[in-house]
């Protein structure tokens, strides 16, 4: 009997359905060989100051409503997106940004391929937004969160209003203790906030929930590299209406930045 069969038999005998200990990440990826590029499901932050996430479940038409999500952030990717026109509904092109940066540093125009520095781009400065507020180009961070019992992570795209809290958590609760984000378990909740103009919105709150066991780190690091490649290849991924609304709803006065 092969070692693989022995491992499966032992799990069945123990009466458990936990299969994540059988084989390596590469074994699962073989199942997807030849099926094209991979994209992950998205966790949604509610509009209007809601305090529960919409998390994709077994039924695509009925997401699970969760007040907290917990897991390992295997990768976090800074990105910038710029839309020349205001959102007017779904388009044939799928609401792709007119300019996007997969690393938050260099933007690429979709129609011409022209590259420009995000740091000096006029659309990435406060006051360049519509009606003279905020930024025309919006800064976001995608979190690739691997939750318990899952093989692939889900993506939570942080709006600008949550970036300050995320940076503080990363710096003071993780890096300051000589760890990387993929080495800790993170718990994320939502709190309701109100802008100076009276608009309710939701902002993410981050807390450390423990350390990742050493024996799980090899698979975590393998998944981190996979997510890094996917994130860099999807700079012009279509933006959903809910995300676009978040992008255009804030002003520089409303952003909780110092």
Protein backbone atom coordinates (compact mmCIF):
# COMPACT_ATOMS: atom_id res chain seq x y z
CA UNK A 1 0.00 0.00 0.00
CA UNK A 2 1.39 3.42 -0.96
CA UNK A 3 2.04 6.11 1.61
CA UNK A 4 -0.70 8.30 0.10
CA UNK A 5 -3.31 5.53 0.45
CA UNK A 6 -2.14 4.81 3.99
CA UNK A 7 -2.61 8.47 4.96
CA UNK A 8 -6.12 8.55 3.48
CA UNK A 9 -7.03 5.30 5.19
CA UNK A 10 -5.84 6.60 8.55
CA UNK A 11 -8.00 9.71 8.19
CA UNK A 12 -11.05 7.68 7.26
CA UNK A 13 -10.49 5.35 10.21
CA UNK A 14 -10.28 8.34 12.54
CA UNK A 15 -13.70 9.48 11.29
CA UNK A 16 -12.56 12.91 10.13
CA UNK A 17 -13.32 14.81 6.94
CA UNK A 18 -10.29 17.08 7.27
CA UNK A 19 -8.27 16.47 4.09
CA UNK A 20 -5.91 19.43 4.20
CA UNK A 21 -3.21 17.23 5.75
CA UNK A 22 -3.20 14.83 2.79
CA UNK A 23 -0.64 15.78 0.16
CA UNK A 24 0.98 19.10 -0.60
CA UNK A 25 -0.41 22.24 -2.23
CA UNK A 26 1.00 20.99 -5.52
CA UNK A 27 -1.26 17.94 -5.39
CA UNK A 28 -4.35 20.15 -5.28
CA UNK A 29 -3.07 22.41 -8.05
CA UNK A 30 -2.77 19.41 -10.35
CA UNK A 31 -6.57 19.25 -10.36
CA UNK A 32 -6.65 22.66 -12.08
CA UNK A 33 -3.96 21.95 -14.65
CA UNK A 34 -4.96 23.17 -18.11
CA UNK A 35 -8.08 25.04 -16.95
CA UNK A 36 -6.71 28.55 -17.48
CA UNK A 37 -6.04 31.41 -15.08
CA UNK A 38 -7.24 31.26 -11.50
CA UNK A 39 -9.21 33.91 -9.65
CA UNK A 40 -10.45 33.90 -6.08
CA UNK A 41 -13.83 34.66 -4.54
CA UNK A 42 -14.32 38.09 -2.99
CA UNK A 43 -15.47 39.07 0.48
CA UNK A 44 -17.63 42.19 0.35
CA UNK A 45 -17.82 45.09 2.77
CA UNK A 46 -21.40 46.41 3.04
CA UNK A 47 -22.35 49.95 2.12
CA UNK A 48 -24.09 52.35 4.47
CA UNK A 49 -22.08 51.46 7.56
CA UNK A 50 -23.08 47.80 7.88
CA UNK A 51 -21.07 45.72 10.35
CA UNK A 52 -21.19 42.27 8.71
CA UNK A 53 -19.24 40.91 5.76
CA UNK A 54 -20.72 39.02 2.81
CA UNK A 55 -18.62 35.88 2.47
CA UNK A 56 -19.06 33.52 -0.51
CA UNK A 57 -20.27 30.08 0.54
CA UNK A 58 -21.41 26.87 -1.12
CA UNK A 59 -24.39 28.66 -2.73
CA UNK A 60 -23.13 31.47 -5.04
CA UNK A 61 -26.54 33.17 -4.85
CA UNK A 62 -26.63 33.24 -1.06
CA UNK A 63 -23.44 34.55 0.59
CA UNK A 64 -22.88 33.97 4.28
CA UNK A 65 -23.24 36.99 6.56
CA UNK A 66 -20.40 37.09 9.08
CA UNK A 67 -19.58 39.75 11.66
CA UNK A 68 -15.97 38.59 11.82
CA UNK A 69 -13.59 36.78 9.50
CA UNK A 70 -10.47 35.07 10.72
CA UNK A 71 -7.58 33.42 8.93
CA UNK A 72 -4.08 33.87 7.60
CA UNK A 73 -3.42 36.81 5.28
CA UNK A 74 -1.08 34.93 2.97
CA UNK A 75 -0.50 37.96 0.76
CA UNK A 76 -1.41 41.65 0.67
CA UNK A 77 -1.19 43.65 -2.55
CA UNK A 78 -1.26 47.42 -2.89
CA UNK A 79 -3.01 48.64 -6.03
CA UNK A 80 -4.25 51.87 -7.57
CA UNK A 81 -7.18 52.20 -9.96
CA UNK A 82 -8.35 55.19 -11.99
CA UNK A 83 -11.65 55.59 -13.83
CA UNK A 84 -11.88 58.46 -16.31
CA UNK A 85 -15.68 58.60 -16.18
CA UNK A 86 -18.23 58.26 -13.40
CA UNK A 87 -19.86 54.85 -12.99
CA UNK A 88 -23.00 54.58 -15.13
CA UNK A 89 -23.72 50.85 -14.93
CA UNK A 90 -22.30 47.64 -16.33
CA UNK A 91 -20.43 47.85 -19.62
CA UNK A 92 -19.28 45.33 -22.21
CA UNK A 93 -15.73 45.79 -20.96
CA UNK A 94 -16.79 44.90 -17.44
CA UNK A 95 -15.99 48.23 -15.77
CA UNK A 96 -12.26 47.90 -16.14
CA UNK A 97 -10.22 50.86 -14.87
CA UNK A 98 -8.70 53.22 -17.45
CA UNK A 99 -5.39 53.12 -15.58
CA UNK A 100 -4.23 50.62 -12.99
CA UNK A 101 -1.18 49.86 -10.91
CA UNK A 102 -0.58 46.34 -9.63
CA UNK A 103 2.04 47.51 -7.13
CA UNK A 104 0.87 51.00 -6.16
CA UNK A 105 3.99 52.49 -7.76
CA UNK A 106 3.71 52.33 -11.55
CA UNK A 107 0.43 52.87 -13.37
CA UNK A 108 -0.35 51.58 -16.87
CA UNK A 109 -2.97 53.18 -19.14
CA UNK A 110 -5.27 50.49 -20.50
CA UNK A 111 -5.79 51.99 -23.96
CA UNK A 112 -2.19 52.97 -24.76
CA UNK A 113 0.01 50.94 -22.43
CA UNK A 114 1.74 54.15 -21.32
CA UNK A 115 3.43 53.87 -17.92
CA UNK A 116 3.61 56.64 -15.34
CA UNK A 117 4.77 57.06 -11.76
CA UNK A 118 1.91 56.92 -9.26
CA UNK A 119 3.81 59.15 -6.83
CA UNK A 120 3.87 62.09 -9.24
CA UNK A 121 0.68 61.42 -11.23
CA UNK A 122 -1.76 64.33 -10.93
CA UNK A 123 -4.68 61.92 -10.54
CA UNK A 124 -3.11 60.44 -7.40
CA UNK A 125 -3.08 63.74 -5.50
CA UNK A 126 -5.69 64.98 -3.04
CA UNK A 127 -7.95 67.52 -4.70
CA UNK A 128 -7.93 65.75 -8.07
CA UNK A 129 -11.20 63.93 -7.44
CA UNK A 130 -14.58 64.85 -8.82
CA UNK A 131 -15.86 68.18 -7.52
CA UNK A 132 -12.35 68.93 -6.30
CA UNK A 133 -12.32 66.40 -3.45
CA UNK A 134 -10.33 63.26 -2.72
CA UNK A 135 -8.21 61.55 -5.34
CA UNK A 136 -9.26 60.76 -8.89
CA UNK A 137 -7.10 57.64 -8.56
CA UNK A 138 -8.05 55.48 -5.62
CA UNK A 139 -5.63 53.51 -3.44
CA UNK A 140 -6.61 50.08 -2.19
CA UNK A 141 -5.04 46.98 -0.67
CA UNK A 142 -6.21 43.47 -1.52
CA UNK A 143 -5.92 40.95 1.31
CA UNK A 144 -5.69 37.27 0.35
CA UNK A 145 -7.16 35.54 3.40
CA UNK A 146 -6.87 31.77 3.88
CA UNK A 147 -9.61 30.69 6.27
CA UNK A 148 -9.92 27.43 8.17
CA UNK A 149 -10.89 24.43 6.07
CA UNK A 150 -10.16 26.21 2.77
CA UNK A 151 -7.53 25.35 0.17
CA UNK A 152 -7.66 28.74 -1.57
CA UNK A 153 -7.87 32.21 -0.01
CA UNK A 154 -10.68 34.70 -0.45
CA UNK A 155 -9.94 38.33 -1.35
CA UNK A 156 -10.97 41.30 0.76
CA UNK A 157 -10.35 44.59 -1.05
CA UNK A 158 -9.77 47.30 1.53
CA UNK A 159 -11.12 50.75 0.66
CA UNK A 160 -9.11 53.87 1.44
CA UNK A 161 -11.00 54.39 4.71
CA UNK A 162 -9.52 51.14 6.13
CA UNK A 163 -5.91 51.59 5.06
CA UNK A 164 -4.76 53.56 8.12
CA UNK A 165 -5.97 50.86 10.53
CA UNK A 166 -4.44 48.12 8.40
CA UNK A 167 -1.06 49.86 8.25
CA UNK A 168 -1.09 50.40 12.03
CA UNK A 169 -1.93 46.72 12.65
CA UNK A 170 0.75 45.52 10.25
CA UNK A 171 3.42 47.80 11.71
CA UNK A 172 2.69 47.60 15.45
CA UNK A 173 1.19 44.12 15.90
CA UNK A 174 3.15 42.15 13.33
CA UNK A 175 6.37 43.71 12.00
CA UNK A 176 7.28 45.28 15.36
CA UNK A 177 7.31 41.75 16.78
CA UNK A 178 9.61 40.52 14.03
CA UNK A 179 6.93 38.59 12.16
CA UNK A 180 5.44 38.63 8.68
CA UNK A 181 1.72 38.86 8.05
CA UNK A 182 1.61 35.30 6.72
CA UNK A 183 2.99 34.02 10.04
CA UNK A 184 0.02 35.15 12.13
CA UNK A 185 -3.71 34.60 12.25
CA UNK A 186 -5.72 37.79 11.82
CA UNK A 187 -9.26 38.57 12.94
CA UNK A 188 -11.11 41.29 11.04
CA UNK A 189 -14.34 42.98 12.11
CA UNK A 190 -16.24 46.07 10.97
CA UNK A 191 -17.22 49.23 12.76
CA UNK A 192 -19.57 51.95 11.62
CA UNK A 193 -18.15 55.41 11.01
CA UNK A 194 -19.53 58.69 9.71
CA UNK A 195 -17.81 61.14 7.41
CA UNK A 196 -17.70 64.86 8.04
CA UNK A 197 -20.38 65.24 5.38
CA UNK A 198 -22.68 62.84 7.22
CA UNK A 199 -22.18 59.71 5.11
CA UNK A 200 -22.16 56.39 6.98
CA UNK A 201 -19.49 53.90 5.98
CA UNK A 202 -17.80 50.76 7.32
CA UNK A 203 -14.18 50.51 8.30
CA UNK A 204 -12.19 47.38 9.09
CA UNK A 205 -10.71 46.63 12.52
CA UNK A 206 -7.74 44.25 12.76
CA UNK A 207 -6.56 42.09 15.67
CA UNK A 208 -3.99 39.35 16.02
CA UNK A 209 -5.62 36.00 16.79
CA UNK A 210 -2.51 33.84 17.20
CA UNK A 211 0.52 32.48 15.39
CA UNK A 212 0.62 30.03 12.48
CA UNK A 213 2.03 26.63 13.54
CA UNK A 214 5.48 25.99 12.10
CA UNK A 215 4.38 22.83 10.27
CA UNK A 216 1.82 24.85 8.26
CA UNK A 217 4.25 27.52 7.06
CA UNK A 218 5.55 25.64 3.96
CA UNK A 219 2.05 25.47 2.44
CA UNK A 220 1.36 29.07 3.50
CA UNK A 221 4.52 30.32 1.76
CA UNK A 222 3.69 28.30 -1.36
CA UNK A 223 0.23 29.89 -1.46
CA UNK A 224 1.77 33.34 -0.90
CA UNK A 225 3.82 32.99 -4.09
CA UNK A 226 0.78 31.82 -6.04
CA UNK A 227 -1.25 34.82 -4.84
CA UNK A 228 1.55 37.24 -5.63
CA UNK A 229 1.60 36.09 -9.26
CA UNK A 230 -2.18 36.26 -9.58
CA UNK A 231 -2.33 39.75 -8.03
CA UNK A 232 0.26 41.15 -10.44
CA UNK A 233 -1.54 39.68 -13.45
CA UNK A 234 -4.98 41.08 -12.57
CA UNK A 235 -4.36 44.82 -12.37
CA UNK A 236 -7.10 45.48 -14.94
CA UNK A 237 -9.59 43.04 -13.47
CA UNK A 238 -13.16 44.30 -13.78
CA UNK A 239 -14.42 46.19 -10.74
CA UNK A 240 -17.85 45.31 -9.39
CA UNK A 241 -20.47 48.01 -8.85
CA UNK A 242 -20.24 47.76 -5.05
CA UNK A 243 -16.47 48.26 -5.16
CA UNK A 244 -16.75 51.17 -7.58
CA UNK A 245 -19.24 52.90 -5.29
CA UNK A 246 -16.76 52.58 -2.43
CA UNK A 247 -14.01 54.00 -4.60
CA UNK A 248 -15.85 57.20 -5.40
CA UNK A 249 -17.60 57.84 -2.08
CA UNK A 250 -14.85 59.45 -0.02
CA UNK A 251 -13.08 62.79 0.02
CA UNK A 252 -9.74 63.83 1.42
CA UNK A 253 -11.49 65.43 4.41
CA UNK A 254 -13.29 62.16 5.12
CA UNK A 255 -10.26 59.90 4.97
CA UNK A 256 -8.85 59.07 8.42
CA UNK A 257 -5.24 59.86 7.47
CA UNK A 258 -2.84 62.05 9.42
